[in-house]
Amino acid sequence: DIEVIERLILVTARGKQPIDILEKIICDADHDYIGTVDYYAIAGLLRDELLVFGEPLTDEEWLHKQINYLEQEHEYYTISAQERRQAQKQIVLNELKSQLDSFHFKK
């Protein structure tokens, strides 16, 4: 049991690809917030955490980082997560791009 739990925890690390259904479920659960209306609140906490660990980001850098992650790195692996969260994830992505466009327009 300990080996399974360890494997499930480690698969949530950035860049890891889940192999079996348990790993896919835990990865989707770990990133569930991305496809919810709570995205901004939870992502804001992540940004605060990065600051504490010495990675301060400007608003523009943060937007680029989030857009890149959502477009290039993140995916939902289970059908359930895809059906329940993908549409809201796309809304968030479009909002982030709009914010970045607005940010550039103000310059």
C-alpha atoms as a PDB file:
ATOM      1  CA  ASP A   1       0.000   0.000   0.000  1.00  0.00           C
ATOM      2  CA  ILE A   2       2.814   2.428   0.826  1.00  0.00           C
ATOM      3  CA  GLU A   3       4.398   1.926  -2.600  1.00  0.00           C
ATOM      4  CA  VAL A   4       1.091   2.646  -4.336  1.00  0.00           C
ATOM      5  CA  ILE A   5       0.535   5.783  -2.266  1.00  0.00           C
ATOM      6  CA  GLU A   6       4.075   6.961  -2.951  1.00  0.00           C
ATOM      7  CA  ARG A   7       3.591   6.378  -6.694  1.00  0.00           C
ATOM      8  CA  LEU A   8       0.322   8.325  -6.655  1.00  0.00           C
ATOM      9  CA  ILE A   9       1.897  11.255  -4.851  1.00  0.00           C
ATOM     10  CA  LEU A  10       4.923  11.365  -7.135  1.00  0.00           C
ATOM     11  CA  VAL A  11       2.857  11.302 -10.336  1.00  0.00           C
ATOM     12  CA  THR A  12       1.438  14.717  -9.444  1.00  0.00           C
ATOM     13  CA  ALA A  13       4.871  16.305  -9.949  1.00  0.00           C
ATOM     14  CA  ARG A  14       5.164  18.596 -12.934  1.00  0.00           C
ATOM     15  CA  GLY A  15       6.155  16.790 -16.111  1.00  0.00           C
ATOM     16  CA  LYS A  16       5.054  13.340 -14.963  1.00  0.00           C
ATOM     17  CA  GLN A  17       2.620  11.396 -17.134  1.00  0.00           C
ATOM     18  CA  PRO A  18       0.081   9.146 -15.434  1.00  0.00           C
ATOM     19  CA  ILE A  19       0.047   5.575 -16.648  1.00  0.00           C
ATOM     20  CA  ASP A  20      -2.876   3.801 -15.030  1.00  0.00           C
ATOM     21  CA  ILE A  21      -6.367   4.860 -14.017  1.00  0.00           C
ATOM     22  CA  LEU A  22      -5.419   5.548 -10.382  1.00  0.00           C
ATOM     23  CA  GLU A  23      -2.643   7.890 -11.482  1.00  0.00           C
ATOM     24  CA  LYS A  24      -4.983   9.608 -13.949  1.00  0.00           C
ATOM     25  CA  ILE A  25      -7.638  10.131 -11.275  1.00  0.00           C
ATOM     26  CA  ILE A  26      -5.169  11.601  -8.782  1.00  0.00           C
ATOM     27  CA  CYS A  27      -3.674  13.931 -11.420  1.00  0.00           C
ATOM     28  CA  ASP A  28      -7.130  15.159 -12.377  1.00  0.00           C
ATOM     29  CA  ALA A  29      -8.028  15.653  -8.722  1.00  0.00           C
ATOM     30  CA  ASP A  30      -4.806  17.589  -8.123  1.00  0.00           C
ATOM     31  CA  HIS A  31      -5.666  20.022 -10.919  1.00  0.00           C
ATOM     32  CA  ASP A  32      -9.432  20.010 -10.559  1.00  0.00           C
ATOM     33  CA  TYR A  33      -9.494  23.712  -9.626  1.00  0.00           C
ATOM     34  CA  ILE A  34      -8.330  24.696 -13.120  1.00  0.00           C
ATOM     35  CA  GLY A  35     -11.736  23.890 -14.548  1.00  0.00           C
ATOM     36  CA  THR A  36     -13.772  25.565 -11.815  1.00  0.00           C
ATOM     37  CA  VAL A  37     -14.910  29.058 -10.901  1.00  0.00           C
ATOM     38  CA  ASP A  38     -12.417  28.849  -8.013  1.00  0.00           C
ATOM     39  CA  TYR A  39      -9.471  28.977 -10.415  1.00  0.00           C
ATOM     40  CA  TYR A  40      -8.445  32.557  -9.658  1.00  0.00           C
ATOM     41  CA  ALA A  41      -8.577  32.161  -5.876  1.00  0.00           C
ATOM     42  CA  ILE A  42      -6.538  28.956  -5.884  1.00  0.00           C
ATOM     43  CA  ALA A  43      -4.104  30.132  -8.568  1.00  0.00           C
ATOM     44  CA  GLY A  44      -3.579  33.285  -6.508  1.00  0.00           C
ATOM     45  CA  LEU A  45      -2.550  31.137  -3.553  1.00  0.00           C
ATOM     46  CA  LEU A  46      -0.090  29.317  -5.809  1.00  0.00           C
ATOM     47  CA  ARG A  47       1.360  32.648  -6.892  1.00  0.00           C
ATOM     48  CA  ASP A  48       1.723  33.654  -3.228  1.00  0.00           C
ATOM     49  CA  GLU A  49       3.491  30.358  -2.542  1.00  0.00           C
ATOM     50  CA  LEU A  50       5.924  30.953  -5.395  1.00  0.00           C
ATOM     51  CA  LEU A  51       6.708  34.369  -3.930  1.00  0.00           C
ATOM     52  CA  VAL A  52       7.472  32.828  -0.532  1.00  0.00           C
ATOM     53  CA  PHE A  53       9.860  30.396  -2.214  1.00  0.00           C
ATOM     54  CA  GLY A  54      11.717  33.188  -4.001  1.00  0.00           C
ATOM     55  CA  GLU A  55      10.000  33.298  -7.371  1.00  0.00           C
ATOM     56  CA  PRO A  56       8.349  36.715  -7.595  1.00  0.00           C
ATOM     57  CA  LEU A  57       6.519  37.221 -10.877  1.00  0.00           C
ATOM     58  CA  THR A  58       5.200  40.372 -12.470  1.00  0.00           C
ATOM     59  CA  ASP A  59       1.573  40.306 -13.583  1.00  0.00           C
ATOM     60  CA  GLU A  60       2.699  39.835 -17.168  1.00  0.00           C
ATOM     61  CA  GLU A  61       5.063  36.976 -16.269  1.00  0.00           C
ATOM     62  CA  TRP A  62       2.313  35.294 -14.241  1.00  0.00           C
ATOM     63  CA  LEU A  63      -0.152  35.500 -17.119  1.00  0.00           C
ATOM     64  CA  HIS A  64       2.389  34.067 -19.562  1.00  0.00           C
ATOM     65  CA  LYS A  65       3.216  31.251 -17.148  1.00  0.00           C
ATOM     66  CA  GLN A  66      -0.440  30.365 -16.608  1.00  0.00           C
ATOM     67  CA  ILE A  67      -1.353  30.507 -20.283  1.00  0.00           C
ATOM     68  CA  ASN A  68       1.631  28.368 -21.227  1.00  0.00           C
ATOM     69  CA  TYR A  69       0.805  25.806 -18.557  1.00  0.00           C
ATOM     70  CA  LEU A  70      -2.838  25.532 -19.563  1.00  0.00           C
ATOM     71  CA  GLU A  71      -2.076  25.358 -23.287  1.00  0.00           C
ATOM     72  CA  GLN A  72       1.083  23.270 -23.339  1.00  0.00           C
ATOM     73  CA  GLU A  73       1.327  21.183 -20.204  1.00  0.00           C
ATOM     74  CA  HIS A  74      -1.990  20.574 -18.516  1.00  0.00           C
ATOM     75  CA  GLU A  75      -4.554  18.048 -19.610  1.00  0.00           C
ATOM     76  CA  TYR A  76      -7.400  16.194 -17.973  1.00  0.00           C
ATOM     77  CA  TYR A  77      -6.923  12.445 -18.270  1.00  0.00           C
ATOM     78  CA  THR A  78     -10.255  10.940 -17.277  1.00  0.00           C
ATOM     79  CA  ILE A  79     -13.465  11.206 -19.253  1.00  0.00           C
ATOM     80  CA  SER A  80     -15.219  12.498 -16.155  1.00  0.00           C
ATOM     81  CA  ALA A  81     -12.799  15.396 -15.696  1.00  0.00           C
ATOM     82  CA  GLN A  82     -12.842  16.180 -19.404  1.00  0.00           C
ATOM     83  CA  GLU A  83     -16.633  16.341 -19.431  1.00  0.00           C
ATOM     84  CA  ARG A  84     -16.922  18.320 -16.195  1.00  0.00           C
ATOM     85  CA  ARG A  85     -13.917  20.636 -16.304  1.00  0.00           C
ATOM     86  CA  GLN A  86     -12.635  21.159 -19.852  1.00  0.00           C
ATOM     87  CA  ALA A  87     -15.203  23.803 -20.848  1.00  0.00           C
ATOM     88  CA  GLN A  88     -14.496  25.963 -17.778  1.00  0.00           C
ATOM     89  CA  LYS A  89     -10.760  25.485 -18.295  1.00  0.00           C
ATOM     90  CA  GLN A  90     -11.177  26.931 -21.793  1.00  0.00           C
ATOM     91  CA  ILE A  91     -13.110  29.878 -20.378  1.00  0.00           C
ATOM     92  CA  VAL A  92     -10.295  30.530 -17.893  1.00  0.00           C
ATOM     93  CA  LEU A  93      -7.701  30.282 -20.658  1.00  0.00           C
ATOM     94  CA  ASN A  94      -9.617  32.768 -22.807  1.00  0.00           C
ATOM     95  CA  GLU A  95      -9.932  35.137 -19.836  1.00  0.00           C
ATOM     96  CA  LEU A  96      -6.206  34.935 -19.130  1.00  0.00           C
ATOM     97  CA  LYS A  97      -5.406  35.706 -22.763  1.00  0.00           C
ATOM     98  CA  SER A  98      -7.788  38.645 -22.659  1.00  0.00           C
ATOM     99  CA  GLN A  99      -6.095  39.920 -19.500  1.00  0.00           C
ATOM    100  CA  LEU A 100      -2.715  39.639 -21.197  1.00  0.00           C
ATOM    101  CA  ASP A 101      -4.022  41.486 -24.255  1.00  0.00           C
ATOM    102  CA  SER A 102      -5.400  44.230 -21.977  1.00  0.00           C
ATOM    103  CA  PHE A 103      -2.088  44.376 -20.157  1.00  0.00           C
ATOM    104  CA  HIS A 104      -0.233  44.879 -23.446  1.00  0.00           C
ATOM    105  CA  PHE A 105      -2.780  47.430 -24.630  1.00  0.00           C
ATOM    106  CA  LYS A 106      -2.150  49.574 -21.525  1.00  0.00           C
ATOM    107  CA  LYS A 107       1.589  49.792 -22.246  1.00  0.00           C
END
